[in-house]
Amino acid sequence: MNQLTEKQEERIIKNCVECIMDDLDDYYFDEMFMDWFKKNMHNFLKEKFKEEKIFNFEGTLVSGSKKRRLGQP
């Protein structure tokens, strides 16, 4: 399988957001701000991952505009 399903992509994004939110728990922020931030962070990551083709696994590693074959430095 060389493509993630939409559900898998969504789960990865959700996990990224949860990690960021866990790190922010060490600081005091208003709850309304945290809810707003979580929603916007999710939308931002979803948009950026799609824009940068982070989930493109068709035999290449994709990082921004750089592509390289799997197994090559």
PDB file of N, CA and C in Angstrom:
ATOM      1  N   MET A   1       0.847  -1.178   0.000  1.00  0.00           N
ATOM      2  CA  MET A   1       0.000   0.000   0.000  1.00  0.00           C
ATOM      3  C   MET A   1       0.894   1.242   0.000  1.00  0.00           C
ATOM      4  N   ASN A   2       0.688   2.110  -0.947  1.00  0.00           N
ATOM      5  CA  ASN A   2       1.535   3.292  -1.030  1.00  0.00           C
ATOM      6  C   ASN A   2       0.783   4.588  -0.790  1.00  0.00           C
ATOM      7  N   GLN A   3      -0.475   4.505  -0.439  1.00  0.00           N
ATOM      8  CA  GLN A   3      -1.261   5.695  -0.136  1.00  0.00           C
ATOM      9  C   GLN A   3      -1.959   5.507   1.204  1.00  0.00           C
ATOM     10  N   LEU A   4      -1.971   6.553   1.990  1.00  0.00           N
ATOM     11  CA  LEU A   4      -2.753   6.522   3.221  1.00  0.00           C
ATOM     12  C   LEU A   4      -4.204   6.820   2.890  1.00  0.00           C
ATOM     13  N   THR A   5      -5.085   6.222   3.637  1.00  0.00           N
ATOM     14  CA  THR A   5      -6.495   6.551   3.458  1.00  0.00           C
ATOM     15  C   THR A   5      -6.748   7.918   4.101  1.00  0.00           C
ATOM     16  N   GLU A   6      -7.847   8.504   3.750  1.00  0.00           N
ATOM     17  CA  GLU A   6      -8.206   9.802   4.326  1.00  0.00           C
ATOM     18  C   GLU A   6      -8.347   9.697   5.850  1.00  0.00           C
ATOM     19  N   LYS A   7      -8.860   8.573   6.303  1.00  0.00           N
ATOM     20  CA  LYS A   7      -9.033   8.353   7.739  1.00  0.00           C
ATOM     21  C   LYS A   7      -7.661   8.278   8.439  1.00  0.00           C
ATOM     22  N   GLN A   8      -6.685   7.629   7.815  1.00  0.00           N
ATOM     23  CA  GLN A   8      -5.342   7.535   8.381  1.00  0.00           C
ATOM     24  C   GLN A   8      -4.674   8.908   8.425  1.00  0.00           C
ATOM     25  N   GLU A   9      -4.829   9.676   7.357  1.00  0.00           N
ATOM     26  CA  GLU A   9      -4.274  11.028   7.315  1.00  0.00           C
ATOM     27  C   GLU A   9      -4.860  11.876   8.432  1.00  0.00           C
ATOM     28  N   GLU A  10      -6.168  11.792   8.603  1.00  0.00           N
ATOM     29  CA  GLU A  10      -6.851  12.565   9.635  1.00  0.00           C
ATOM     30  C   GLU A  10      -6.353  12.172  11.028  1.00  0.00           C
ATOM     31  N   ARG A  11      -6.111  10.899  11.226  1.00  0.00           N
ATOM     32  CA  ARG A  11      -5.618  10.434  12.521  1.00  0.00           C
ATOM     33  C   ARG A  11      -4.208  10.966  12.810  1.00  0.00           C
ATOM     34  N   ILE A  12      -3.359  11.002  11.800  1.00  0.00           N
ATOM     35  CA  ILE A  12      -2.004  11.539  11.968  1.00  0.00           C
ATOM     36  C   ILE A  12      -2.060  13.011  12.332  1.00  0.00           C
ATOM     37  N   ILE A  13      -2.901  13.773  11.629  1.00  0.00           N
ATOM     38  CA  ILE A  13      -3.037  15.206  11.904  1.00  0.00           C
ATOM     39  C   ILE A  13      -3.571  15.415  13.319  1.00  0.00           C
ATOM     40  N   LYS A  14      -4.571  14.620  13.686  1.00  0.00           N
ATOM     41  CA  LYS A  14      -5.150  14.737  15.034  1.00  0.00           C
ATOM     42  C   LYS A  14      -4.091  14.447  16.099  1.00  0.00           C
ATOM     43  N   ASN A  15      -3.257  13.450  15.872  1.00  0.00           N
ATOM     44  CA  ASN A  15      -2.189  13.125  16.822  1.00  0.00           C
ATOM     45  C   ASN A  15      -1.168  14.252  16.926  1.00  0.00           C
ATOM     46  N   CYS A  16      -0.839  14.886  15.807  1.00  0.00           N
ATOM     47  CA  CYS A  16       0.079  16.033  15.826  1.00  0.00           C
ATOM     48  C   CYS A  16      -0.495  17.163  16.677  1.00  0.00           C
ATOM     49  N   VAL A  17      -1.762  17.462  16.466  1.00  0.00           N
ATOM     50  CA  VAL A  17      -2.419  18.530  17.219  1.00  0.00           C
ATOM     51  C   VAL A  17      -2.450  18.184  18.707  1.00  0.00           C
ATOM     52  N   GLU A  18      -2.763  16.937  19.038  1.00  0.00           N
ATOM     53  CA  GLU A  18      -2.816  16.522  20.442  1.00  0.00           C
ATOM     54  C   GLU A  18      -1.441  16.659  21.104  1.00  0.00           C
ATOM     55  N   CYS A  19      -0.378  16.334  20.395  1.00  0.00           N
ATOM     56  CA  CYS A  19       0.980  16.489  20.944  1.00  0.00           C
ATOM     57  C   CYS A  19       1.286  17.955  21.232  1.00  0.00           C
ATOM     58  N   ILE A  20       0.911  18.818  20.315  1.00  0.00           N
ATOM     59  CA  ILE A  20       1.132  20.254  20.512  1.00  0.00           C
ATOM     60  C   ILE A  20       0.319  20.746  21.705  1.00  0.00           C
ATOM     61  N   MET A  21      -0.928  20.315  21.795  1.00  0.00           N
ATOM     62  CA  MET A  21      -1.788  20.749  22.890  1.00  0.00           C
ATOM     63  C   MET A  21      -1.267  20.235  24.237  1.00  0.00           C
ATOM     64  N   ASP A  22      -0.750  19.011  24.261  1.00  0.00           N
ATOM     65  CA  ASP A  22      -0.170  18.466  25.494  1.00  0.00           C
ATOM     66  C   ASP A  22       1.013  19.313  25.958  1.00  0.00           C
ATOM     67  N   ASP A  23       1.844  19.744  25.009  1.00  0.00           N
ATOM     68  CA  ASP A  23       2.978  20.597  25.365  1.00  0.00           C
ATOM     69  C   ASP A  23       2.514  21.936  25.924  1.00  0.00           C
ATOM     70  N   LEU A  24       1.422  22.458  25.390  1.00  0.00           N
ATOM     71  CA  LEU A  24       0.904  23.747  25.846  1.00  0.00           C
ATOM     72  C   LEU A  24       0.218  23.654  27.210  1.00  0.00           C
ATOM     73  N   ASP A  25      -0.122  22.455  27.631  1.00  0.00           N
ATOM     74  CA  ASP A  25      -0.762  22.272  28.942  1.00  0.00           C
ATOM     75  C   ASP A  25       0.137  22.703  30.090  1.00  0.00           C
ATOM     76  N   ASP A  26       1.429  22.789  29.846  1.00  0.00           N
ATOM     77  CA  ASP A  26       2.372  23.222  30.877  1.00  0.00           C
ATOM     78  C   ASP A  26       2.232  24.713  31.192  1.00  0.00           C
ATOM     79  N   TYR A  27       1.531  25.426  30.345  1.00  0.00           N
ATOM     80  CA  TYR A  27       1.367  26.870  30.504  1.00  0.00           C
ATOM     81  C   TYR A  27      -0.107  27.178  30.733  1.00  0.00           C
ATOM     82  N   TYR A  28      -0.367  28.303  31.333  1.00  0.00           N
ATOM     83  CA  TYR A  28      -1.761  28.688  31.574  1.00  0.00           C
ATOM     84  C   TYR A  28      -2.278  29.511  30.396  1.00  0.00           C
ATOM     85  N   PHE A  29      -3.306  29.007  29.768  1.00  0.00           N
ATOM     86  CA  PHE A  29      -4.001  29.736  28.719  1.00  0.00           C
ATOM     87  C   PHE A  29      -5.494  29.634  28.992  1.00  0.00           C
ATOM     88  N   ASP A  30      -6.217  30.632  28.575  1.00  0.00           N
ATOM     89  CA  ASP A  30      -7.664  30.624  28.696  1.00  0.00           C
ATOM     90  C   ASP A  30      -8.236  29.442  27.909  1.00  0.00           C
ATOM     91  N   GLU A  31      -9.240  28.788  28.453  1.00  0.00           N
ATOM     92  CA  GLU A  31      -9.825  27.607  27.817  1.00  0.00           C
ATOM     93  C   GLU A  31     -10.414  27.922  26.442  1.00  0.00           C
ATOM     94  N   MET A  32     -11.035  29.089  26.310  1.00  0.00           N
ATOM     95  CA  MET A  32     -11.589  29.477  25.005  1.00  0.00           C
ATOM     96  C   MET A  32     -10.479  29.638  23.978  1.00  0.00           C
ATOM     97  N   PHE A  33      -9.351  30.210  24.406  1.00  0.00           N
ATOM     98  CA  PHE A  33      -8.217  30.346  23.500  1.00  0.00           C
ATOM     99  C   PHE A  33      -7.702  28.971  23.081  1.00  0.00           C
ATOM    100  N   MET A  34      -7.596  28.059  24.038  1.00  0.00           N
ATOM    101  CA  MET A  34      -7.079  26.718  23.732  1.00  0.00           C
ATOM    102  C   MET A  34      -7.993  25.991  22.749  1.00  0.00           C
ATOM    103  N   ASP A  35      -9.298  26.116  22.896  1.00  0.00           N
ATOM    104  CA  ASP A  35     -10.232  25.495  21.960  1.00  0.00           C
ATOM    105  C   ASP A  35     -10.081  26.100  20.565  1.00  0.00           C
ATOM    106  N   TRP A  36      -9.981  27.421  20.510  1.00  0.00           N
ATOM    107  CA  TRP A  36      -9.796  28.114  19.234  1.00  0.00           C
ATOM    108  C   TRP A  36      -8.478  27.693  18.587  1.00  0.00           C
ATOM    109  N   PHE A  37      -7.421  27.641  19.385  1.00  0.00           N
ATOM    110  CA  PHE A  37      -6.096  27.293  18.883  1.00  0.00           C
ATOM    111  C   PHE A  37      -6.082  25.860  18.340  1.00  0.00           C
ATOM    112  N   LYS A  38      -6.696  24.943  19.069  1.00  0.00           N
ATOM    113  CA  LYS A  38      -6.728  23.541  18.642  1.00  0.00           C
ATOM    114  C   LYS A  38      -7.437  23.405  17.300  1.00  0.00           C
ATOM    115  N   LYS A  39      -8.567  24.070  17.156  1.00  0.00           N
ATOM    116  CA  LYS A  39      -9.329  24.005  15.904  1.00  0.00           C
ATOM    117  C   LYS A  39      -8.507  24.588  14.754  1.00  0.00           C
ATOM    118  N   ASN A  40      -7.904  25.744  14.987  1.00  0.00           N
ATOM    119  CA  ASN A  40      -7.134  26.383  13.929  1.00  0.00           C
ATOM    120  C   ASN A  40      -5.846  25.633  13.616  1.00  0.00           C
ATOM    121  N   MET A  41      -5.218  25.033  14.607  1.00  0.00           N
ATOM    122  CA  MET A  41      -4.013  24.248  14.374  1.00  0.00           C
ATOM    123  C   MET A  41      -4.345  23.027  13.515  1.00  0.00           C
ATOM    124  N   HIS A  42      -5.476  22.395  13.796  1.00  0.00           N
ATOM    125  CA  HIS A  42      -5.903  21.237  13.005  1.00  0.00           C
ATOM    126  C   HIS A  42      -6.107  21.643  11.545  1.00  0.00           C
ATOM    127  N   ASN A  43      -6.825  22.736  11.320  1.00  0.00           N
ATOM    128  CA  ASN A  43      -7.068  23.195   9.952  1.00  0.00           C
ATOM    129  C   ASN A  43      -5.768  23.594   9.259  1.00  0.00           C
ATOM    130  N   PHE A  44      -4.880  24.252   9.982  1.00  0.00           N
ATOM    131  CA  PHE A  44      -3.599  24.674   9.427  1.00  0.00           C
ATOM    132  C   PHE A  44      -2.765  23.459   9.006  1.00  0.00           C
ATOM    133  N   LEU A  45      -2.649  22.472   9.891  1.00  0.00           N
ATOM    134  CA  LEU A  45      -1.848  21.292   9.563  1.00  0.00           C
ATOM    135  C   LEU A  45      -2.451  20.519   8.397  1.00  0.00           C
ATOM    136  N   LYS A  46      -3.760  20.390   8.382  1.00  0.00           N
ATOM    137  CA  LYS A  46      -4.425  19.683   7.290  1.00  0.00           C
ATOM    138  C   LYS A  46      -4.127  20.362   5.946  1.00  0.00           C
ATOM    139  N   GLU A  47      -4.215  21.682   5.940  1.00  0.00           N
ATOM    140  CA  GLU A  47      -3.951  22.449   4.728  1.00  0.00           C
ATOM    141  C   GLU A  47      -2.480  22.332   4.303  1.00  0.00           C
ATOM    142  N   LYS A  48      -1.564  22.476   5.267  1.00  0.00           N
ATOM    143  CA  LYS A  48      -0.133  22.416   4.965  1.00  0.00           C
ATOM    144  C   LYS A  48       0.299  21.025   4.510  1.00  0.00           C
ATOM    145  N   PHE A  49      -0.218  19.978   5.154  1.00  0.00           N
ATOM    146  CA  PHE A  49       0.139  18.622   4.758  1.00  0.00           C
ATOM    147  C   PHE A  49      -0.322  18.348   3.335  1.00  0.00           C
ATOM    148  N   LYS A  50      -1.503  18.854   2.993  1.00  0.00           N
ATOM    149  CA  LYS A  50      -2.010  18.670   1.637  1.00  0.00           C
ATOM    150  C   LYS A  50      -1.185  19.492   0.641  1.00  0.00           C
ATOM    151  N   GLU A  51      -0.899  20.731   0.997  1.00  0.00           N
ATOM    152  CA  GLU A  51      -0.129  21.628   0.139  1.00  0.00           C
ATOM    153  C   GLU A  51       1.282  21.095  -0.124  1.00  0.00           C
ATOM    154  N   GLU A  52       1.930  20.581   0.897  1.00  0.00           N
ATOM    155  CA  GLU A  52       3.296  20.083   0.786  1.00  0.00           C
ATOM    156  C   GLU A  52       3.356  18.614   0.386  1.00  0.00           C
ATOM    157  N   LYS A  53       2.188  18.012   0.179  1.00  0.00           N
ATOM    158  CA  LYS A  53       2.084  16.606  -0.223  1.00  0.00           C
ATOM    159  C   LYS A  53       2.830  15.691   0.741  1.00  0.00           C
ATOM    160  N   ILE A  54       2.648  15.941   2.020  1.00  0.00           N
ATOM    161  CA  ILE A  54       3.309  15.159   3.065  1.00  0.00           C
ATOM    162  C   ILE A  54       2.918  13.683   2.981  1.00  0.00           C
ATOM    163  N   PHE A  55       1.697  13.388   2.570  1.00  0.00           N
ATOM    164  CA  PHE A  55       1.220  12.014   2.538  1.00  0.00           C
ATOM    165  C   PHE A  55       1.360  11.373   1.164  1.00  0.00           C
ATOM    166  N   ASN A  56       2.260  11.867   0.327  1.00  0.00           N
ATOM    167  CA  ASN A  56       2.511  11.301  -0.989  1.00  0.00           C
ATOM    168  C   ASN A  56       3.599  10.241  -0.847  1.00  0.00           C
ATOM    169  N   PHE A  57       3.220   8.963  -0.915  1.00  0.00           N
ATOM    170  CA  PHE A  57       4.168   7.874  -0.711  1.00  0.00           C
ATOM    171  C   PHE A  57       4.357   7.026  -1.962  1.00  0.00           C
ATOM    172  N   GLU A  58       4.302   7.610  -3.120  1.00  0.00           N
ATOM    173  CA  GLU A  58       4.403   6.855  -4.355  1.00  0.00           C
ATOM    174  C   GLU A  58       5.867   6.622  -4.736  1.00  0.00           C
ATOM    175  N   GLY A  59       6.596   5.926  -3.878  1.00  0.00           N
ATOM    176  CA  GLY A  59       7.981   5.584  -4.170  1.00  0.00           C
ATOM    177  C   GLY A  59       8.967   6.702  -3.919  1.00  0.00           C
ATOM    178  N   THR A  60       8.510   7.837  -3.413  1.00  0.00           N
ATOM    179  CA  THR A  60       9.415   8.947  -3.140  1.00  0.00           C
ATOM    180  C   THR A  60       9.131   9.513  -1.761  1.00  0.00           C
ATOM    181  N   LEU A  61      10.161  10.054  -1.173  1.00  0.00           N
ATOM    182  CA  LEU A  61       9.978  10.819   0.049  1.00  0.00           C
ATOM    183  C   LEU A  61       9.806  12.260  -0.374  1.00  0.00           C
ATOM    184  N   VAL A  62       8.788  12.898   0.116  1.00  0.00           N
ATOM    185  CA  VAL A  62       8.510  14.265  -0.296  1.00  0.00           C
ATOM    186  C   VAL A  62       8.679  15.186   0.900  1.00  0.00           C
ATOM    187  N   SER A  63       9.502  16.192   0.726  1.00  0.00           N
ATOM    188  CA  SER A  63       9.699  17.189   1.764  1.00  0.00           C
ATOM    189  C   SER A  63       9.732  18.538   1.075  1.00  0.00           C
ATOM    190  N   GLY A  64       8.625  19.247   1.131  1.00  0.00           N
ATOM    191  CA  GLY A  64       8.542  20.516   0.411  1.00  0.00           C
ATOM    192  C   GLY A  64       8.617  20.256  -1.075  1.00  0.00           C
ATOM    193  N   SER A  65       9.556  20.900  -1.751  1.00  0.00           N
ATOM    194  CA  SER A  65       9.690  20.713  -3.191  1.00  0.00           C
ATOM    195  C   SER A  65      10.785  19.713  -3.536  1.00  0.00           C
ATOM    196  N   LYS A  66      11.463  19.132  -2.532  1.00  0.00           N
ATOM    197  CA  LYS A  66      12.535  18.172  -2.780  1.00  0.00           C
ATOM    198  C   LYS A  66      11.963  16.765  -2.809  1.00  0.00           C
ATOM    199  N   LYS A  67      12.335  15.990  -3.824  1.00  0.00           N
ATOM    200  CA  LYS A  67      11.909  14.599  -3.915  1.00  0.00           C
ATOM    201  C   LYS A  67      13.150  13.726  -4.040  1.00  0.00           C
ATOM    202  N   ARG A  68      13.094  12.557  -3.432  1.00  0.00           N
ATOM    203  CA  ARG A  68      14.162  11.602  -3.603  1.00  0.00           C
ATOM    204  C   ARG A  68      13.579  10.206  -3.526  1.00  0.00           C
ATOM    205  N   ARG A  69      14.231   9.267  -4.151  1.00  0.00           N
ATOM    206  CA  ARG A  69      13.782   7.879  -4.156  1.00  0.00           C
ATOM    207  C   ARG A  69      13.943   7.283  -2.776  1.00  0.00           C
ATOM    208  N   LEU A  70      13.041   6.385  -2.405  1.00  0.00           N
ATOM    209  CA  LEU A  70      13.155   5.695  -1.127  1.00  0.00           C
ATOM    210  C   LEU A  70      14.452   4.909  -1.086  1.00  0.00           C
ATOM    211  N   GLY A  71      15.119   4.939   0.051  1.00  0.00           N
ATOM    212  CA  GLY A  71      16.367   4.208   0.227  1.00  0.00           C
ATOM    213  C   GLY A  71      17.609   4.976  -0.185  1.00  0.00           C
ATOM    214  N   GLN A  72      17.437   6.186  -0.713  1.00  0.00           N
ATOM    215  CA  GLN A  72      18.574   7.006  -1.109  1.00  0.00           C
ATOM    216  C   GLN A  72      18.686   8.201  -0.172  1.00  0.00           C
ATOM    217  N   PRO A  73      19.918   8.620   0.137  1.00  0.00           N
ATOM    218  CA  PRO A  73      20.096   9.783   1.038  1.00  0.00           C
ATOM    219  C   PRO A  73      19.646  11.075   0.392  1.00  0.00           C
TER     220      PRO A  73
END
